[in-house]
């Protein structure tokens, strides 16, 4: 089994009265060998302070299977009922070295208001070259969530994979 961290980026921006002040930003790329990980952190302030972020991983337990768990959040320290979380789980099965089929489910919830929404997607992937896949999918029951993955309708996604097909 191999692990590979594709990219991890942390950034914080504080907006106050239309003014942007960058606090920090960094990007790290490292190889650890079949897990690909991306993370982002964003702090905004307008009328209130908001902390947002997302973490998405890609795990390959075997050559023919890919799992993609994800987590996104929006925290409002001044309004705890406004805290919003989004969980996702996607997967793909490689039918051949050049073709995959998969799907995903995303669930958005706001514990303070007991509001929630769920979206499902189906997709097919085509290997362009070694390590690069083009995926065409459709999201059913989509909504405006914390990540673009939940938007309704068709989507294209480009995957950069390492350590085999």
N, C-alpha and C. Protein backbone atom coordinates (compact mmCIF):
# COMPACT_ATOMS: atom_id res chain seq x y z
N UNK A 1 0.86 -1.17 0.00
CA UNK A 1 0.00 0.00 0.00
C UNK A 1 0.90 1.23 0.00
N UNK A 2 0.47 2.28 -0.67
CA UNK A 2 1.27 3.50 -0.70
C UNK A 2 0.40 4.70 -0.37
N UNK A 3 1.01 5.74 0.16
CA UNK A 3 0.31 6.97 0.51
C UNK A 3 0.95 8.12 -0.24
N UNK A 4 0.13 9.04 -0.74
CA UNK A 4 0.65 10.20 -1.45
C UNK A 4 -0.19 11.41 -1.07
N UNK A 5 0.46 12.39 -0.54
CA UNK A 5 -0.22 13.64 -0.24
C UNK A 5 -0.07 14.52 -1.47
N UNK A 6 -1.19 14.77 -2.17
CA UNK A 6 -1.14 15.59 -3.38
C UNK A 6 -0.87 17.05 -3.05
N UNK A 7 -1.72 17.60 -2.20
CA UNK A 7 -1.42 18.97 -1.80
C UNK A 7 -2.18 19.32 -0.55
N UNK A 8 -1.55 20.15 0.21
CA UNK A 8 -2.20 20.63 1.41
C UNK A 8 -1.93 22.13 1.45
N UNK A 9 -2.95 22.91 1.60
CA UNK A 9 -2.74 24.35 1.66
C UNK A 9 -3.51 24.92 2.83
N UNK A 10 -2.88 25.82 3.51
CA UNK A 10 -3.51 26.51 4.62
C UNK A 10 -3.44 28.00 4.33
N UNK A 11 -4.50 28.68 4.53
CA UNK A 11 -4.51 30.11 4.31
C UNK A 11 -5.53 30.78 5.21
N UNK A 12 -5.25 32.00 5.55
CA UNK A 12 -6.21 32.75 6.35
C UNK A 12 -6.26 34.18 5.83
N UNK A 13 -7.45 34.68 5.66
CA UNK A 13 -7.64 36.07 5.21
C UNK A 13 -8.69 36.69 6.12
N UNK A 14 -8.41 37.86 6.62
CA UNK A 14 -9.36 38.54 7.47
C UNK A 14 -9.86 39.76 6.71
N UNK A 15 -11.15 39.81 6.46
CA UNK A 15 -11.74 40.95 5.77
C UNK A 15 -12.48 41.79 6.79
N UNK A 16 -12.09 43.01 6.88
CA UNK A 16 -12.73 43.91 7.84
C UNK A 16 -12.98 45.23 7.13
N UNK A 17 -14.22 45.59 7.01
CA UNK A 17 -14.64 46.82 6.34
C UNK A 17 -14.06 46.89 4.93
N UNK A 18 -14.12 45.77 4.19
CA UNK A 18 -13.68 45.72 2.81
C UNK A 18 -12.18 45.60 2.64
N UNK A 19 -11.42 45.55 3.73
CA UNK A 19 -9.97 45.48 3.65
C UNK A 19 -9.52 44.03 3.82
N UNK A 20 -8.60 43.56 2.95
CA UNK A 20 -8.11 42.20 3.05
C UNK A 20 -6.69 42.22 3.62
N UNK A 21 -6.48 41.44 4.68
CA UNK A 21 -5.16 41.33 5.30
C UNK A 21 -4.75 39.87 5.28
N UNK A 22 -3.78 39.46 4.44
CA UNK A 22 -3.37 38.05 4.45
C UNK A 22 -2.56 37.75 5.70
N UNK A 23 -2.96 36.72 6.44
CA UNK A 23 -2.24 36.32 7.63
C UNK A 23 -1.18 35.30 7.29
N UNK A 24 -1.55 34.26 6.58
CA UNK A 24 -0.57 33.25 6.21
C UNK A 24 -1.09 32.43 5.05
N UNK A 25 -0.20 31.91 4.28
CA UNK A 25 -0.58 31.01 3.19
C UNK A 25 0.60 30.11 2.89
N UNK A 26 0.34 28.87 2.72
CA UNK A 26 1.42 27.93 2.41
C UNK A 26 0.87 26.76 1.63
N UNK A 27 1.69 26.16 0.81
CA UNK A 27 1.29 24.95 0.09
C UNK A 27 2.40 23.93 0.26
N UNK A 28 2.03 22.72 0.52
CA UNK A 28 3.00 21.66 0.76
C UNK A 28 2.68 20.50 -0.17
N UNK A 29 3.67 19.98 -0.85
CA UNK A 29 3.50 18.76 -1.64
C UNK A 29 4.51 17.75 -1.12
N UNK A 30 4.05 16.56 -0.79
CA UNK A 30 4.94 15.52 -0.28
C UNK A 30 4.44 14.17 -0.75
N UNK A 31 5.34 13.25 -0.91
CA UNK A 31 4.96 11.88 -1.27
C UNK A 31 5.10 11.00 -0.05
N UNK A 32 4.05 10.26 0.28
CA UNK A 32 4.09 9.25 1.32
C UNK A 32 3.63 7.90 0.76
N UNK A 33 3.16 7.74 -0.42
CA UNK A 33 2.77 6.62 -1.34
C UNK A 33 1.30 6.29 -1.36
N UNK A 34 -0.63 5.47 -1.67
CA UNK A 34 -1.96 5.52 -2.34
C UNK A 34 -3.00 6.42 -1.71
N UNK A 35 -2.68 7.35 -0.71
CA UNK A 35 -3.69 8.28 -0.17
C UNK A 35 -3.35 9.67 -0.69
N UNK A 36 -4.32 10.33 -1.33
CA UNK A 36 -4.10 11.68 -1.81
C UNK A 36 -4.94 12.61 -0.96
N UNK A 37 -4.36 13.69 -0.50
CA UNK A 37 -5.01 14.52 0.49
C UNK A 37 -4.91 15.98 0.10
N UNK A 38 -6.02 16.71 0.22
CA UNK A 38 -6.00 18.15 0.00
C UNK A 38 -6.78 18.83 1.11
N UNK A 39 -6.27 19.93 1.63
CA UNK A 39 -6.96 20.62 2.71
C UNK A 39 -6.82 22.12 2.53
N UNK A 40 -7.81 22.85 2.94
CA UNK A 40 -7.75 24.31 2.87
C UNK A 40 -8.44 24.90 4.08
N UNK A 41 -7.92 26.00 4.57
CA UNK A 41 -8.49 26.70 5.72
C UNK A 41 -8.64 28.16 5.33
N UNK A 42 -9.78 28.76 5.62
CA UNK A 42 -10.05 30.14 5.24
C UNK A 42 -10.76 30.84 6.38
N UNK A 43 -10.25 31.96 6.83
CA UNK A 43 -10.89 32.74 7.88
C UNK A 43 -11.32 34.07 7.28
N UNK A 44 -12.61 34.41 7.41
CA UNK A 44 -13.14 35.64 6.85
C UNK A 44 -13.84 36.43 7.94
N UNK A 45 -13.82 37.74 7.80
CA UNK A 45 -14.57 38.58 8.72
C UNK A 45 -15.18 39.71 7.93
N UNK A 46 -16.48 39.85 8.01
CA UNK A 46 -17.20 40.98 7.43
C UNK A 46 -17.98 41.53 8.59
N UNK A 47 -19.23 41.19 8.65
CA UNK A 47 -20.05 41.53 9.79
C UNK A 47 -19.72 40.59 10.95
N UNK A 48 -19.18 39.40 10.62
CA UNK A 48 -18.84 38.42 11.65
C UNK A 48 -17.65 37.58 11.20
N UNK A 49 -17.04 36.91 12.13
CA UNK A 49 -15.92 36.02 11.86
C UNK A 49 -16.46 34.66 11.42
N UNK A 50 -15.92 34.12 10.33
CA UNK A 50 -16.34 32.82 9.82
C UNK A 50 -15.09 32.00 9.54
N UNK A 51 -15.07 30.77 10.00
CA UNK A 51 -13.97 29.85 9.76
C UNK A 51 -14.49 28.76 8.84
N UNK A 52 -13.84 28.59 7.66
CA UNK A 52 -14.27 27.61 6.67
C UNK A 52 -13.10 26.73 6.29
N UNK A 53 -13.40 25.50 5.93
CA UNK A 53 -12.35 24.61 5.48
C UNK A 53 -12.90 23.35 4.86
N UNK A 54 -12.02 22.60 4.21
CA UNK A 54 -12.41 21.34 3.59
C UNK A 54 -11.22 20.40 3.59
N UNK A 55 -11.51 19.13 3.73
CA UNK A 55 -10.51 18.09 3.68
C UNK A 55 -11.06 16.98 2.80
N UNK A 56 -10.29 16.59 1.78
CA UNK A 56 -10.73 15.53 0.88
C UNK A 56 -9.57 14.58 0.65
N UNK A 57 -9.83 13.29 0.83
CA UNK A 57 -8.79 12.27 0.65
C UNK A 57 -9.21 11.30 -0.43
N UNK A 58 -8.24 10.63 -1.00
CA UNK A 58 -8.50 9.58 -1.98
C UNK A 58 -7.67 8.38 -1.57
N UNK A 59 -8.33 7.27 -1.26
CA UNK A 59 -7.66 6.07 -0.76
C UNK A 59 -7.87 4.93 -1.74
N UNK A 60 -6.80 4.23 -2.06
CA UNK A 60 -6.85 3.10 -2.99
C UNK A 60 -6.49 1.83 -2.22
N UNK A 61 -7.50 1.11 -1.69
CA UNK A 61 -7.18 -0.13 -0.97
C UNK A 61 -6.71 -1.24 -1.90
N UNK A 62 -6.92 -1.10 -3.18
CA UNK A 62 -6.46 -2.05 -4.20
C UNK A 62 -6.40 -1.34 -5.53
N UNK A 63 -5.85 -2.00 -6.53
CA UNK A 63 -5.73 -1.36 -7.84
C UNK A 63 -7.08 -1.07 -8.48
N UNK A 64 -8.12 -1.80 -8.13
CA UNK A 64 -9.41 -1.66 -8.81
C UNK A 64 -10.41 -0.80 -8.05
N UNK A 65 -10.04 -0.27 -6.88
CA UNK A 65 -11.01 0.45 -6.05
C UNK A 65 -10.42 1.76 -5.52
N UNK A 66 -11.24 2.80 -5.54
CA UNK A 66 -10.86 4.10 -4.99
C UNK A 66 -11.98 4.57 -4.08
N UNK A 67 -11.63 5.06 -2.88
CA UNK A 67 -12.59 5.65 -1.95
C UNK A 67 -12.19 7.10 -1.71
N UNK A 68 -13.19 8.03 -1.68
CA UNK A 68 -12.92 9.45 -1.52
C UNK A 68 -13.77 10.06 -0.39
N UNK A 69 -13.35 9.92 0.86
CA UNK A 69 -14.08 10.58 1.94
C UNK A 69 -13.75 12.08 1.96
N UNK A 70 -14.71 12.89 2.43
CA UNK A 70 -14.47 14.33 2.51
C UNK A 70 -15.24 14.94 3.68
N UNK A 71 -14.74 16.08 4.13
CA UNK A 71 -15.36 16.83 5.22
C UNK A 71 -15.17 18.31 4.92
N UNK A 72 -16.22 19.09 5.06
CA UNK A 72 -16.14 20.55 4.92
C UNK A 72 -16.90 21.16 6.09
N UNK A 73 -16.51 22.36 6.47
CA UNK A 73 -17.15 23.01 7.61
C UNK A 73 -17.18 24.51 7.43
N UNK A 74 -18.15 25.13 8.08
CA UNK A 74 -18.25 26.59 8.18
C UNK A 74 -18.66 26.87 9.62
N UNK A 75 -17.75 27.47 10.37
CA UNK A 75 -18.00 27.75 11.78
C UNK A 75 -18.13 29.25 11.98
N UNK A 76 -19.14 29.64 12.74
CA UNK A 76 -19.38 31.04 13.05
C UNK A 76 -19.28 31.21 14.56
N UNK A 77 -18.13 31.64 15.08
CA UNK A 77 -17.97 31.77 16.53
C UNK A 77 -19.02 32.66 17.19
N UNK A 78 -19.50 33.67 16.48
CA UNK A 78 -20.52 34.55 17.02
C UNK A 78 -21.93 34.00 16.94
N UNK A 79 -22.12 32.91 16.20
CA UNK A 79 -23.44 32.31 15.99
C UNK A 79 -23.30 30.79 15.92
N UNK A 80 -23.16 30.11 17.07
CA UNK A 80 -22.97 28.66 17.07
C UNK A 80 -24.08 27.89 16.36
N UNK A 81 -25.30 28.41 16.31
CA UNK A 81 -26.37 27.72 15.58
C UNK A 81 -26.12 27.73 14.08
N UNK A 82 -25.26 28.61 13.62
CA UNK A 82 -24.94 28.70 12.20
C UNK A 82 -23.82 27.78 11.76
N UNK A 83 -23.22 27.01 12.68
CA UNK A 83 -22.17 26.06 12.30
C UNK A 83 -22.75 25.07 11.29
N UNK A 84 -22.05 24.86 10.18
CA UNK A 84 -22.52 23.97 9.13
C UNK A 84 -21.41 22.98 8.79
N UNK A 85 -21.79 21.72 8.56
CA UNK A 85 -20.85 20.66 8.26
C UNK A 85 -21.34 19.90 7.03
N UNK A 86 -20.39 19.39 6.26
CA UNK A 86 -20.73 18.59 5.09
C UNK A 86 -19.82 17.37 5.04
N UNK A 87 -20.42 16.19 5.00
CA UNK A 87 -19.68 14.94 4.88
C UNK A 87 -19.91 14.36 3.50
N UNK A 88 -18.90 13.72 2.95
CA UNK A 88 -19.04 13.10 1.64
C UNK A 88 -18.30 11.78 1.58
N UNK A 89 -18.80 10.89 0.77
CA UNK A 89 -18.11 9.63 0.51
C UNK A 89 -18.34 9.26 -0.95
N UNK A 90 -17.25 9.20 -1.69
CA UNK A 90 -17.32 8.81 -3.09
C UNK A 90 -16.49 7.57 -3.31
N UNK A 91 -16.71 6.93 -4.42
CA UNK A 91 -15.93 5.75 -4.73
C UNK A 91 -15.95 5.48 -6.21
N UNK A 92 -14.96 4.74 -6.63
CA UNK A 92 -14.89 4.36 -8.04
C UNK A 92 -14.32 2.96 -8.17
N UNK A 93 -14.81 2.25 -9.16
CA UNK A 93 -14.30 0.91 -9.45
C UNK A 93 -13.72 0.94 -10.85
N UNK A 94 -12.47 0.51 -10.97
CA UNK A 94 -11.77 0.52 -12.25
C UNK A 94 -12.10 -0.77 -13.00
N UNK A 95 -12.92 -0.65 -14.04
CA UNK A 95 -13.31 -1.80 -14.85
C UNK A 95 -12.18 -2.27 -15.74
N UNK A 96 -11.33 -1.36 -16.15
CA UNK A 96 -10.18 -1.65 -17.00
C UNK A 96 -9.12 -0.60 -16.68
N UNK A 97 -7.96 -0.71 -17.29
CA UNK A 97 -6.90 0.27 -17.04
C UNK A 97 -7.27 1.66 -17.53
N UNK A 98 -8.32 1.76 -18.33
CA UNK A 98 -8.69 3.04 -18.93
C UNK A 98 -10.11 3.49 -18.59
N UNK A 99 -10.89 2.69 -17.83
CA UNK A 99 -12.29 3.01 -17.57
C UNK A 99 -12.68 2.74 -16.12
N UNK A 100 -13.42 3.69 -15.52
CA UNK A 100 -13.93 3.49 -14.16
C UNK A 100 -15.38 3.96 -14.08
N UNK A 101 -16.12 3.38 -13.14
CA UNK A 101 -17.48 3.80 -12.82
C UNK A 101 -17.54 4.06 -11.33
N UNK A 102 -18.32 5.07 -10.93
CA UNK A 102 -18.38 5.39 -9.51
C UNK A 102 -19.56 6.24 -9.15
N UNK A 103 -19.55 6.67 -7.92
CA UNK A 103 -20.62 7.51 -7.40
C UNK A 103 -20.21 8.13 -6.09
N UNK A 104 -21.07 8.98 -5.56
CA UNK A 104 -20.78 9.65 -4.29
C UNK A 104 -22.08 10.07 -3.62
N UNK A 105 -21.99 10.30 -2.33
CA UNK A 105 -23.10 10.85 -1.56
C UNK A 105 -22.52 11.98 -0.69
N UNK A 106 -23.24 13.08 -0.60
CA UNK A 106 -22.84 14.24 0.21
C UNK A 106 -24.00 14.62 1.12
N UNK A 107 -23.69 14.87 2.37
CA UNK A 107 -24.73 15.24 3.34
C UNK A 107 -24.30 16.52 4.06
N UNK A 108 -25.13 17.54 3.97
CA UNK A 108 -24.90 18.83 4.61
C UNK A 108 -25.84 18.93 5.80
N UNK A 109 -25.33 19.35 6.96
CA UNK A 109 -26.21 19.50 8.11
C UNK A 109 -25.76 20.66 8.98
N UNK A 110 -26.75 21.24 9.66
CA UNK A 110 -26.57 22.36 10.56
C UNK A 110 -27.23 21.96 11.88
N UNK A 111 -26.45 21.43 12.82
CA UNK A 111 -27.03 20.90 14.06
C UNK A 111 -27.86 21.92 14.83
N UNK A 112 -27.45 23.18 14.83
CA UNK A 112 -28.16 24.19 15.60
C UNK A 112 -29.57 24.46 15.11
N UNK A 113 -29.81 24.29 13.81
CA UNK A 113 -31.14 24.53 13.25
C UNK A 113 -31.82 23.23 12.81
N UNK A 114 -31.12 22.13 12.92
CA UNK A 114 -31.59 20.81 12.49
C UNK A 114 -31.93 20.76 11.01
N UNK A 115 -31.29 21.61 10.20
CA UNK A 115 -31.48 21.61 8.75
C UNK A 115 -30.46 20.66 8.13
N UNK A 116 -30.87 19.99 7.03
CA UNK A 116 -29.94 19.10 6.34
C UNK A 116 -30.35 18.92 4.88
N UNK A 117 -29.41 18.45 4.08
CA UNK A 117 -29.67 18.17 2.66
C UNK A 117 -28.70 17.08 2.22
N UNK A 118 -29.14 16.28 1.25
CA UNK A 118 -28.32 15.18 0.74
C UNK A 118 -28.31 15.21 -0.78
N UNK A 119 -27.15 14.92 -1.37
CA UNK A 119 -27.02 14.84 -2.83
C UNK A 119 -26.29 13.55 -3.19
N UNK A 120 -26.63 12.99 -4.34
CA UNK A 120 -26.01 11.77 -4.85
C UNK A 120 -25.44 12.05 -6.23
N UNK A 121 -24.34 11.40 -6.56
CA UNK A 121 -23.79 11.57 -7.90
C UNK A 121 -23.34 10.23 -8.46
N UNK A 122 -23.37 10.13 -9.78
CA UNK A 122 -22.86 8.98 -10.51
C UNK A 122 -21.87 9.51 -11.53
N UNK A 123 -20.86 8.69 -11.86
CA UNK A 123 -19.85 9.18 -12.78
C UNK A 123 -19.14 8.03 -13.50
N UNK A 124 -18.50 8.38 -14.61
CA UNK A 124 -17.65 7.48 -15.37
C UNK A 124 -16.32 8.20 -15.57
N UNK A 125 -15.23 7.45 -15.47
CA UNK A 125 -13.90 8.03 -15.63
C UNK A 125 -13.16 7.41 -16.79
N UNK A 126 -12.35 8.22 -17.44
CA UNK A 126 -11.55 7.79 -18.59
C UNK A 126 -10.11 8.20 -18.33
N UNK A 127 -9.20 7.23 -18.42
CA UNK A 127 -7.78 7.53 -18.21
C UNK A 127 -7.23 8.24 -19.43
N UNK A 128 -6.75 9.46 -19.22
CA UNK A 128 -6.18 10.24 -20.32
C UNK A 128 -4.75 9.78 -20.60
N UNK A 129 -3.92 9.78 -19.58
CA UNK A 129 -2.55 9.27 -19.61
C UNK A 129 -2.30 8.67 -18.23
N UNK A 130 -1.18 8.02 -18.05
CA UNK A 130 -0.84 7.42 -16.78
C UNK A 130 -0.99 8.43 -15.64
N UNK A 131 -1.86 8.15 -14.68
CA UNK A 131 -2.03 8.99 -13.51
C UNK A 131 -3.00 10.15 -13.65
N UNK A 132 -3.58 10.36 -14.83
CA UNK A 132 -4.53 11.46 -15.03
C UNK A 132 -5.84 10.89 -15.58
N UNK A 133 -6.92 11.12 -14.84
CA UNK A 133 -8.25 10.63 -15.20
C UNK A 133 -9.20 11.79 -15.38
N UNK A 134 -10.05 11.71 -16.41
CA UNK A 134 -11.11 12.68 -16.65
C UNK A 134 -12.42 12.00 -16.28
N UNK A 135 -13.17 12.60 -15.36
CA UNK A 135 -14.43 12.03 -14.88
C UNK A 135 -15.59 12.92 -15.30
N UNK A 136 -16.63 12.29 -15.85
CA UNK A 136 -17.87 12.98 -16.19
C UNK A 136 -18.95 12.39 -15.31
N UNK A 137 -19.68 13.28 -14.62
CA UNK A 137 -20.70 12.78 -13.71
C UNK A 137 -21.93 13.65 -13.69
N UNK A 138 -22.90 13.20 -12.92
CA UNK A 138 -24.16 13.93 -12.76
C UNK A 138 -24.56 13.85 -11.29
N UNK A 139 -24.89 15.01 -10.71
CA UNK A 139 -25.33 15.07 -9.31
C UNK A 139 -26.84 15.17 -9.26
N UNK A 140 -27.46 14.24 -8.57
CA UNK A 140 -28.91 14.18 -8.40
C UNK A 140 -29.27 14.83 -7.06
N UNK A 141 -30.33 15.61 -7.02
CA UNK A 141 -30.77 16.22 -5.77
C UNK A 141 -29.75 17.17 -5.18
N UNK A 142 -29.01 17.83 -6.05
CA UNK A 142 -27.95 18.72 -5.59
C UNK A 142 -28.46 19.96 -4.87
N UNK A 143 -27.54 20.65 -4.23
CA UNK A 143 -27.84 21.86 -3.47
C UNK A 143 -26.58 22.72 -3.43
N UNK A 144 -26.71 23.94 -2.98
CA UNK A 144 -25.56 24.81 -2.81
C UNK A 144 -24.95 24.49 -1.45
N UNK A 145 -23.89 23.70 -1.49
CA UNK A 145 -23.25 23.26 -0.26
C UNK A 145 -21.96 24.02 0.02
N UNK A 146 -21.12 23.43 0.83
CA UNK A 146 -19.86 24.06 1.20
C UNK A 146 -18.77 23.81 0.17
N UNK A 147 -18.98 22.85 -0.73
CA UNK A 147 -18.02 22.57 -1.80
C UNK A 147 -18.78 22.47 -3.13
N UNK A 148 -18.09 22.60 -4.24
CA UNK A 148 -18.75 22.51 -5.54
C UNK A 148 -19.30 21.11 -5.85
N UNK A 149 -18.87 20.09 -5.11
CA UNK A 149 -19.31 18.72 -5.36
C UNK A 149 -20.81 18.52 -5.26
N UNK A 150 -21.50 19.40 -4.55
CA UNK A 150 -22.93 19.23 -4.29
C UNK A 150 -23.83 19.95 -5.28
N UNK A 151 -23.24 20.70 -6.20
CA UNK A 151 -24.05 21.46 -7.17
C UNK A 151 -24.82 20.49 -8.07
N UNK A 152 -26.09 20.78 -8.35
CA UNK A 152 -26.88 19.88 -9.19
C UNK A 152 -26.44 19.90 -10.65
N UNK A 153 -26.62 18.76 -11.32
CA UNK A 153 -26.34 18.69 -12.75
C UNK A 153 -25.03 18.00 -13.09
N UNK A 154 -24.59 18.20 -14.32
CA UNK A 154 -23.38 17.55 -14.84
C UNK A 154 -22.12 18.21 -14.28
N UNK A 155 -21.06 17.44 -14.18
CA UNK A 155 -19.77 17.99 -13.76
C UNK A 155 -18.63 17.23 -14.44
N UNK A 156 -17.48 17.88 -14.52
CA UNK A 156 -16.23 17.30 -14.99
C UNK A 156 -15.23 17.41 -13.85
N UNK A 157 -14.46 16.36 -13.63
CA UNK A 157 -13.42 16.40 -12.60
C UNK A 157 -12.17 15.76 -13.17
N UNK A 158 -11.04 16.36 -12.90
CA UNK A 158 -9.75 15.84 -13.34
C UNK A 158 -9.04 15.30 -12.10
N UNK A 159 -8.69 14.02 -12.10
CA UNK A 159 -7.99 13.40 -10.99
C UNK A 159 -6.54 13.18 -11.36
N UNK A 160 -5.63 13.55 -10.45
CA UNK A 160 -4.21 13.28 -10.61
C UNK A 160 -3.86 12.20 -9.59
N UNK A 161 -3.54 11.02 -10.07
CA UNK A 161 -3.28 9.88 -9.20
C UNK A 161 -1.84 9.44 -9.36
N UNK A 162 -1.30 8.88 -8.30
CA UNK A 162 0.08 8.37 -8.35
C UNK A 162 0.10 6.92 -7.92
N UNK A 163 1.17 6.24 -8.21
CA UNK A 163 1.36 4.88 -7.75
C UNK A 163 0.59 3.83 -8.52
N UNK A 164 0.33 4.00 -9.79
CA UNK A 164 -0.39 3.01 -10.60
C UNK A 164 -1.63 3.58 -11.22
N UNK A 165 -2.45 2.73 -11.80
CA UNK A 165 -3.66 3.19 -12.49
C UNK A 165 -4.80 3.17 -11.57
